[in-house]
Amino acid sequence: MADEPTPDPQAESDSADVDAGQDTELVGLDDHVTRYIERLKGEAATYRSKLRATEEQYEGLQRKYETEQEKRDREIGERERAAGRADRDDEVAGLKAQLLDQRIKVRAGGRFADPDDAPLYLDRTALANVDSRHLDAAIDKQLAAVLEQKTHLAVKQAHGVLVTQGGRSEIPNGRPRERSWLRG
């Protein structure tokens, strides 16, 4: 009996949730069997609560009687876990900021002469609080407000004639023209 591992309370609470969902299967059973199953479920819940209380008491006794070295090791482990969580949170925040910058640059493309300038002019804290479904609309709204105030950032529209390479003076007849290989 002492060699048996202690059952996991989380696994038992999960199985209790599954049992609670199986009540619909008990409808066709005999009343005696249904009462017996309900009594067993009640006993299982009692044992789970006793197990949790005993585990808490055990952890309390472990902390009470742990050596100074064990206390230092536990505290160091807790600090390292907290530092790891802080590092991870910083990295995630940095990646979210980069993602927001890229999204702003994409939305600024075609409107700003240099889309890389767009993130510099937008209010990131306001955008961070916007739901992801409405983020593009919020970015567009802020971009329009920036371009309204700072027109020099907008793409310059060409007025007048569009200058291109030009048309051909004669229709090609299928023969290569002199120096046509230069044009590629």
Protein backbone atom coordinates (compact mmCIF):
# COMPACT_ATOMS: atom_id res chain seq x y z
CA MET A 1 0.00 0.00 0.00
CA ALA A 2 2.90 2.36 0.75
CA ASP A 3 4.47 1.72 -2.67
CA GLU A 4 1.40 2.98 -4.54
CA PRO A 5 1.80 6.47 -6.03
CA THR A 6 -0.51 9.14 -4.74
CA PRO A 7 -3.26 9.94 -7.24
CA ASP A 8 -3.15 13.28 -9.04
CA PRO A 9 -5.96 15.52 -7.68
CA GLN A 10 -6.20 17.36 -11.03
CA ALA A 11 -6.73 14.09 -12.87
CA GLU A 12 -9.39 13.10 -10.37
CA SER A 13 -11.19 16.43 -10.69
CA ASP A 14 -11.10 15.98 -14.47
CA SER A 15 -12.63 12.53 -14.12
CA ALA A 16 -15.26 14.01 -11.81
CA ASP A 17 -16.16 16.47 -14.57
CA VAL A 18 -16.49 13.57 -16.99
CA ASP A 19 -18.67 11.69 -14.48
CA ALA A 20 -20.89 14.72 -14.10
CA GLY A 21 -21.43 14.72 -17.85
CA GLN A 22 -22.44 11.04 -17.75
CA ASP A 23 -25.54 11.63 -15.62
CA THR A 24 -27.64 11.44 -18.75
CA GLU A 25 -26.58 7.78 -19.12
CA LEU A 26 -27.94 7.00 -15.64
CA VAL A 27 -31.51 7.73 -16.70
CA GLY A 28 -32.26 4.21 -17.87
CA LEU A 29 -30.70 2.49 -14.84
CA ASP A 30 -32.44 1.04 -11.83
CA ASP A 31 -33.03 3.44 -8.90
CA HIS A 32 -30.87 1.30 -6.62
CA VAL A 33 -27.91 1.48 -9.04
CA THR A 34 -28.41 5.24 -9.56
CA ARG A 35 -28.38 5.90 -5.78
CA TYR A 36 -25.27 3.75 -5.42
CA ILE A 37 -23.44 5.67 -8.16
CA GLU A 38 -24.46 9.02 -6.64
CA ARG A 39 -23.20 7.87 -3.22
CA LEU A 40 -19.87 6.84 -4.78
CA LYS A 41 -19.56 10.21 -6.48
CA GLY A 42 -20.14 11.94 -3.14
CA GLU A 43 -17.51 9.79 -1.48
CA ALA A 44 -15.03 10.52 -4.28
CA ALA A 45 -15.58 14.26 -3.86
CA THR A 46 -15.02 13.93 -0.10
CA TYR A 47 -11.78 12.02 -0.64
CA ARG A 48 -10.58 14.58 -3.19
CA SER A 49 -11.12 17.43 -0.73
CA LYS A 50 -9.37 15.47 2.03
CA LEU A 51 -6.47 14.77 -0.32
CA ARG A 52 -6.10 18.46 -1.16
CA ALA A 53 -6.14 19.40 2.53
CA THR A 54 -3.57 16.73 3.35
CA GLU A 55 -1.28 17.85 0.51
CA GLU A 56 -1.47 21.46 1.74
CA GLN A 57 -0.67 20.31 5.27
CA TYR A 58 2.26 18.23 3.95
CA GLU A 59 3.68 21.21 2.02
CA GLY A 60 3.33 23.36 5.14
CA LEU A 61 5.25 20.82 7.22
CA GLN A 62 7.93 20.54 4.53
CA ARG A 63 8.45 24.29 4.62
CA LYS A 64 8.44 24.34 8.39
CA TYR A 65 11.15 21.72 8.73
CA GLU A 66 13.24 22.43 5.65
CA THR A 67 16.91 23.22 6.15
CA GLU A 68 18.47 26.58 5.40
CA GLN A 69 20.00 25.16 2.23
CA GLU A 70 16.59 23.89 1.06
CA LYS A 71 15.07 27.32 1.77
CA ARG A 72 17.78 29.05 -0.25
CA ASP A 73 17.39 26.56 -3.10
CA ARG A 74 13.61 27.06 -3.14
CA GLU A 75 13.93 30.85 -3.06
CA ILE A 76 16.55 30.81 -5.83
CA GLY A 77 14.31 28.58 -7.93
CA GLU A 78 11.37 30.93 -7.41
CA ARG A 79 13.50 33.97 -8.38
CA GLU A 80 14.81 32.19 -11.48
CA ARG A 81 11.29 31.25 -12.55
CA ALA A 82 10.14 34.84 -12.02
CA ALA A 83 13.12 36.17 -14.00
CA GLY A 84 12.39 33.68 -16.80
CA ARG A 85 8.77 34.80 -16.92
CA ALA A 86 9.86 38.45 -17.02
CA ASP A 87 12.32 37.73 -19.86
CA ARG A 88 9.65 35.87 -21.78
CA ASP A 89 7.15 38.69 -21.24
CA ASP A 90 9.70 41.25 -22.46
CA GLU A 91 10.41 39.20 -25.56
CA VAL A 92 6.71 38.77 -26.30
CA ALA A 93 6.14 42.51 -25.87
CA GLY A 94 9.00 43.25 -28.27
CA LEU A 95 7.61 40.86 -30.86
CA LYS A 96 4.15 42.39 -30.53
CA ALA A 97 5.64 45.86 -31.07
CA GLN A 98 7.47 44.65 -34.19
CA LEU A 99 4.29 43.06 -35.49
CA LEU A 100 2.38 46.29 -34.94
CA ASP A 101 5.11 48.27 -36.74
CA GLN A 102 4.95 45.94 -39.72
CA ARG A 103 1.17 46.14 -39.82
CA ILE A 104 1.35 49.95 -39.76
CA LYS A 105 3.92 49.95 -42.58
CA VAL A 106 1.71 47.72 -44.69
CA ARG A 107 -1.31 49.98 -44.12
CA ALA A 108 0.83 53.08 -44.91
CA GLY A 109 2.09 51.65 -48.19
CA GLY A 110 0.82 53.71 -51.12
CA ARG A 111 -0.12 56.64 -48.88
CA PHE A 112 3.20 57.60 -47.28
CA ALA A 113 6.21 58.49 -49.39
CA ASP A 114 8.26 56.38 -46.97
CA PRO A 115 6.09 53.82 -45.11
CA ASP A 116 8.94 53.28 -42.62
CA ASP A 117 8.11 56.74 -41.19
CA ALA A 118 4.49 55.87 -40.44
CA PRO A 119 5.05 54.07 -37.08
CA LEU A 120 6.88 57.13 -35.77
CA TYR A 121 3.76 59.30 -35.99
CA LEU A 122 1.08 56.96 -34.63
CA ASP A 123 -0.11 56.53 -31.04
CA ARG A 124 0.93 52.98 -30.19
CA THR A 125 -0.69 52.93 -26.75
CA ALA A 126 -4.08 53.65 -28.28
CA LEU A 127 -3.51 50.95 -30.90
CA ALA A 128 -2.44 48.43 -28.25
CA ASN A 129 -5.85 48.74 -26.57
CA VAL A 130 -7.81 48.16 -29.79
CA ASP A 131 -9.39 44.79 -30.51
CA SER A 132 -7.55 42.92 -33.26
CA ARG A 133 -10.69 42.86 -35.43
CA HIS A 134 -10.76 46.66 -35.50
CA LEU A 135 -7.01 47.29 -35.56
CA ASP A 136 -6.75 47.96 -39.30
CA ALA A 137 -9.56 50.52 -39.14
CA ALA A 138 -7.89 52.25 -36.18
CA ILE A 139 -4.54 52.33 -37.99
CA ASP A 140 -6.19 53.76 -41.12
CA LYS A 141 -7.92 56.43 -39.05
CA GLN A 142 -4.66 57.49 -37.40
CA LEU A 143 -2.79 57.43 -40.72
CA ALA A 144 -5.42 59.67 -42.31
CA ALA A 145 -5.17 62.11 -39.38
CA VAL A 146 -1.35 62.22 -39.67
CA LEU A 147 -1.48 62.79 -43.44
CA GLU A 148 -4.04 65.54 -42.96
CA GLN A 149 -1.72 67.38 -40.57
CA LYS A 150 1.59 66.54 -42.27
CA THR A 151 0.95 66.56 -46.00
CA HIS A 152 4.67 66.46 -46.78
CA LEU A 153 4.70 62.77 -45.72
CA ALA A 154 2.18 61.77 -48.39
CA VAL A 155 3.06 60.22 -51.73
CA LYS A 156 3.57 62.91 -54.33
CA GLN A 157 1.01 62.65 -57.11
CA ALA A 158 2.40 63.32 -60.58
CA HIS A 159 0.53 66.16 -62.29
CA GLY A 160 0.38 66.35 -66.04
CA VAL A 161 1.90 63.92 -68.51
CA LEU A 162 3.27 60.62 -67.36
CA VAL A 163 6.78 60.25 -68.75
CA THR A 164 7.57 56.77 -69.99
CA GLN A 165 10.10 55.23 -72.33
CA GLY A 166 7.97 56.23 -75.25
CA GLY A 167 6.23 54.48 -78.07
CA ARG A 168 7.76 52.99 -81.18
CA SER A 169 7.85 54.98 -84.33
CA GLU A 170 7.02 51.98 -86.49
CA ILE A 171 5.21 48.75 -85.95
CA PRO A 172 7.61 45.83 -85.48
CA ASN A 173 7.59 43.49 -88.46
CA GLY A 174 9.10 40.49 -86.70
CA ARG A 175 12.68 41.32 -87.58
CA PRO A 176 15.04 42.40 -84.83
CA ARG A 177 15.87 46.05 -85.00
CA GLU A 178 19.37 47.29 -84.68
CA ARG A 179 20.41 47.39 -81.00
CA SER A 180 17.16 45.82 -79.86
CA TRP A 181 19.18 43.43 -77.77
CA LEU A 182 20.12 46.37 -75.51
CA ARG A 183 16.54 46.80 -74.37
CA GLY A 184 16.30 43.23 -73.14
